[in-house]
Amino acid sequence: MKDKPNEWVSISDLMAGVMAVVMLLLVMSVLQKTYSDLKHQQELEQSSQSQRDKVSHMLSGLKQTLSGTASEGLVAIDVNAQKFTLRDGVFGRGSACITDQARQAFSSIEEKVADFLNEFPKGKVYVEGHTDNLPVSRPVTNFEAFCTVYDDNFTLSAARAREARKLITGNLTLTDARRVVVAGYGDSQPIPGVPPEDARQRRIEVLWVVQDDND
């Protein structure tokens, strides 16, 4: 008597074949999505690098403009960090008033900031004030003489950042000026490796920040 074909074996072979095809399609789908994600990430990185290169070029141009001028020593430009620092000599002692010598530099600074904001519609400029850790001995109330009133380092650092912002945004449109933001940190963010009471801690840092279109 002949043995009948095992129907269950045929069905199991068929199911195994179907599962193999499904798994193959699934793997191909995952690989395709992974490739798509990696390609998109690479495009974003390239775009970001291109943006950083543009900002670096603008800062290099500002550095070249100030080179050899009387204001050169008052402005330190860090192309890699995409910022520049207004040093202690920009302001009078214990004051938020900008010195006449420093004002000469602001025309060039204002022009470059305007170029940056025009180039990057979502870009922002952060004007951040910093001080040393020496406490304010008594409140300053003579606004006319000191261009502000203050009773601690936080208030003074914010006032200095505000005065710097006024010169940076002087000829900007109201819309662009709103993208120039002020902050006062007092002595809470000292320069690493520099004594907290050192004059180098008294500074204004101006950061140029580019935001992606998806932000």
Protein backbone atom coordinates (compact mmCIF):
# COMPACT_ATOMS: atom_id res chain seq x y z
CA MET A 1 0.00 0.00 0.00
CA LYS A 2 1.43 3.33 -1.06
CA ASP A 3 1.90 6.01 1.53
CA LYS A 4 -0.22 9.12 1.02
CA PRO A 5 1.64 12.42 0.68
CA ASN A 6 1.90 14.24 4.00
CA GLU A 7 -0.29 17.31 3.45
CA TRP A 8 0.98 18.96 6.62
CA VAL A 9 4.56 18.81 5.40
CA SER A 10 3.60 20.62 2.18
CA ILE A 11 1.68 23.27 4.08
CA SER A 12 4.57 23.80 6.51
CA ASP A 13 7.01 24.17 3.60
CA LEU A 14 4.69 26.71 2.02
CA MET A 15 4.35 28.67 5.26
CA ALA A 16 8.11 28.62 5.74
CA GLY A 17 8.55 30.02 2.25
CA VAL A 18 5.98 32.74 2.89
CA MET A 19 7.67 33.69 6.19
CA ALA A 20 11.04 33.84 4.47
CA VAL A 21 9.66 36.25 1.87
CA VAL A 22 8.00 38.37 4.57
CA MET A 23 11.21 38.52 6.59
CA LEU A 24 13.17 39.46 3.47
CA LEU A 25 10.75 42.28 2.69
CA LEU A 26 10.90 43.45 6.30
CA VAL A 27 14.71 43.50 6.31
CA MET A 28 14.75 45.40 3.01
CA SER A 29 12.28 47.93 4.40
CA VAL A 30 14.37 48.47 7.55
CA LEU A 31 17.57 48.85 5.52
CA GLN A 32 15.90 51.32 3.18
CA LYS A 33 14.62 53.44 6.08
CA THR A 34 18.01 53.31 7.80
CA TYR A 35 19.71 54.48 4.61
CA SER A 36 17.12 57.24 4.20
CA ASP A 37 17.62 58.39 7.81
CA LEU A 38 21.41 58.37 7.47
CA LYS A 39 21.22 60.31 4.21
CA HIS A 40 18.92 62.90 5.81
CA GLN A 41 21.22 63.21 8.83
CA GLN A 42 24.21 63.66 6.53
CA GLU A 43 22.39 66.41 4.64
CA LEU A 44 21.58 68.18 7.92
CA GLU A 45 25.18 67.92 9.06
CA GLN A 46 26.42 69.26 5.75
CA SER A 47 23.92 72.11 5.95
CA SER A 48 24.95 72.91 9.51
CA GLN A 49 28.61 72.83 8.54
CA SER A 50 27.89 75.15 5.63
CA GLN A 51 26.11 77.54 7.99
CA ARG A 52 28.99 77.44 10.47
CA ASP A 53 31.42 78.16 7.66
CA LYS A 54 29.42 81.25 6.68
CA VAL A 55 29.39 82.53 10.26
CA SER A 56 33.10 81.88 10.61
CA HIS A 57 33.72 83.83 7.42
CA MET A 58 31.71 86.78 8.77
CA LEU A 59 33.63 86.78 12.05
CA SER A 60 36.92 86.53 10.21
CA GLY A 61 35.87 89.57 8.21
CA LEU A 62 35.13 91.48 11.41
CA LYS A 63 38.52 90.48 12.80
CA GLN A 64 40.23 91.74 9.67
CA THR A 65 38.26 95.01 9.78
CA LEU A 66 39.31 95.72 13.37
CA SER A 67 42.92 94.67 12.82
CA GLY A 68 45.30 97.57 13.22
CA THR A 69 42.68 99.92 14.63
CA ALA A 70 42.62 101.48 18.08
CA SER A 71 39.70 99.18 18.98
CA GLU A 72 41.51 95.95 18.12
CA GLY A 73 42.60 95.30 21.70
CA LEU A 74 39.07 95.77 23.03
CA VAL A 75 37.47 93.02 20.94
CA ALA A 76 38.58 89.38 21.04
CA ILE A 77 37.14 87.26 18.23
CA ASP A 78 36.85 83.48 18.58
CA VAL A 79 35.95 82.15 15.14
CA ASN A 80 35.69 78.52 16.28
CA ALA A 81 33.29 79.35 19.12
CA GLN A 82 31.44 81.74 16.79
CA LYS A 83 31.48 84.65 19.21
CA PHE A 84 33.40 87.78 20.05
CA THR A 85 34.16 89.25 23.44
CA LEU A 86 34.10 92.91 24.43
CA ARG A 87 36.80 93.29 27.05
CA ASP A 88 36.81 95.29 30.26
CA GLY A 89 38.14 98.44 28.61
CA VAL A 90 34.91 98.84 26.65
CA PHE A 91 33.26 100.27 29.78
CA GLY A 92 34.26 102.79 32.40
CA ARG A 93 35.25 101.52 35.81
CA GLY A 94 32.13 100.32 37.66
CA SER A 95 30.04 101.81 34.86
CA ALA A 96 27.79 100.71 32.01
CA CYS A 97 28.87 103.70 29.90
CA ILE A 98 30.73 102.65 26.75
CA THR A 99 34.00 104.48 26.20
CA ASP A 100 34.51 106.70 23.15
CA GLN A 101 37.30 104.45 21.91
CA ALA A 102 35.04 101.40 22.05
CA ARG A 103 32.24 103.17 20.21
CA GLN A 104 34.43 103.34 17.13
CA ALA A 105 34.39 99.53 16.95
CA PHE A 106 30.62 99.26 17.14
CA SER A 107 29.98 100.60 13.67
CA SER A 108 31.86 97.60 12.23
CA ILE A 109 30.24 95.24 14.72
CA GLU A 110 26.76 96.53 13.91
CA GLU A 111 27.33 96.04 10.19
CA LYS A 112 28.46 92.42 10.61
CA VAL A 113 25.59 91.58 12.97
CA ALA A 114 23.14 92.99 10.42
CA ASP A 115 24.73 90.80 7.72
CA PHE A 116 24.40 87.76 9.98
CA LEU A 117 20.72 88.36 10.74
CA ASN A 118 19.97 88.94 7.05
CA GLU A 119 21.78 85.75 6.05
CA PHE A 120 20.08 83.60 8.69
CA PRO A 121 16.38 84.50 9.17
CA LYS A 122 16.21 82.26 12.26
CA GLY A 123 19.58 83.24 13.64
CA LYS A 124 19.92 84.94 17.00
CA VAL A 125 22.58 87.04 18.69
CA TYR A 126 23.04 86.69 22.44
CA VAL A 127 24.68 89.60 24.23
CA GLU A 128 25.80 88.27 27.60
CA GLY A 129 27.27 90.35 30.41
CA HIS A 130 29.79 89.01 32.94
CA THR A 131 31.67 90.50 35.91
CA ASP A 132 34.38 89.55 38.37
CA ASN A 133 33.42 88.32 41.84
CA LEU A 134 34.21 91.54 43.68
CA PRO A 135 31.00 92.59 45.44
CA VAL A 136 29.35 95.96 44.88
CA SER A 137 30.18 97.94 48.02
CA ARG A 138 27.21 100.28 47.78
CA PRO A 139 24.31 100.89 45.39
CA VAL A 140 24.99 103.13 42.40
CA THR A 141 22.10 105.52 41.76
CA ASN A 142 23.61 108.21 39.51
CA PHE A 143 22.26 107.12 36.13
CA GLU A 144 23.68 110.10 34.29
CA ALA A 145 27.22 109.33 35.41
CA PHE A 146 27.11 105.51 35.17
CA CYS A 147 24.46 104.93 32.46
CA THR A 148 22.58 102.66 34.88
CA VAL A 149 21.65 102.09 38.48
CA TYR A 150 22.71 98.87 40.18
CA ASP A 151 23.28 97.25 43.52
CA ASP A 152 24.97 93.96 42.54
CA ASN A 153 27.03 92.35 39.80
CA PHE A 154 24.05 90.78 38.08
CA THR A 155 22.39 94.15 37.58
CA LEU A 156 25.64 95.71 36.37
CA SER A 157 26.37 92.90 33.90
CA ALA A 158 22.85 93.11 32.48
CA ALA A 159 23.12 96.90 32.12
CA ARG A 160 26.41 96.61 30.26
CA ALA A 161 24.94 94.00 27.93
CA ARG A 162 21.96 96.29 27.36
CA GLU A 163 24.17 99.25 26.43
CA ALA A 164 26.17 97.08 24.03
CA ARG A 165 22.93 95.85 22.47
CA LYS A 166 21.78 99.43 21.89
CA LEU A 167 24.80 100.11 19.70
CA ILE A 168 24.59 96.74 17.93
CA THR A 169 20.93 97.20 17.02
CA GLY A 170 21.03 100.92 16.29
CA ASN A 171 20.15 100.65 12.59
CA LEU A 172 18.35 97.30 12.59
CA THR A 173 14.67 96.89 11.87
CA LEU A 174 12.45 96.23 14.86
CA THR A 175 11.97 92.63 13.73
CA ASP A 176 15.71 91.96 13.47
CA ALA A 177 16.45 93.80 16.72
CA ARG A 178 14.17 91.40 18.57
CA ARG A 179 16.56 88.61 17.66
CA VAL A 180 19.35 90.28 19.63
CA VAL A 181 18.86 89.07 23.20
CA VAL A 182 20.43 90.35 26.43
CA ALA A 183 21.41 88.41 29.54
CA GLY A 184 23.35 89.35 32.68
CA TYR A 185 25.22 86.57 34.49
CA GLY A 186 27.18 88.59 37.04
CA ASP A 187 30.07 86.45 38.34
CA SER A 188 28.22 83.12 37.92
CA GLN A 189 30.06 82.04 34.75
CA PRO A 190 33.76 82.85 35.20
CA ILE A 191 36.36 82.08 32.56
CA PRO A 192 37.94 78.72 33.49
CA GLY A 193 41.51 79.00 34.72
CA VAL A 194 41.27 82.74 35.36
CA PRO A 195 41.05 84.06 38.95
CA PRO A 196 37.46 85.11 39.66
CA GLU A 197 38.59 88.59 40.73
CA ASP A 198 40.67 89.12 37.57
CA ALA A 199 39.74 92.01 35.26
CA ARG A 200 39.42 89.56 32.36
CA GLN A 201 36.22 88.29 33.96
CA ARG A 202 34.60 91.66 33.26
CA ARG A 203 33.42 91.18 29.71
CA ILE A 204 30.53 91.03 27.24
CA GLU A 205 30.29 87.89 25.12
CA VAL A 206 28.35 88.18 21.86
CA LEU A 207 27.34 84.77 20.52
CA TRP A 208 26.06 84.17 17.00
CA VAL A 209 23.65 81.23 17.01
CA VAL A 210 22.24 79.63 13.86
CA GLN A 211 19.04 77.62 14.21
CA ASP A 212 17.99 74.95 11.72
CA ASP A 213 14.82 75.55 9.73
CA ASN A 214 13.19 72.62 11.56
CA ASP A 215 13.77 74.17 15.00
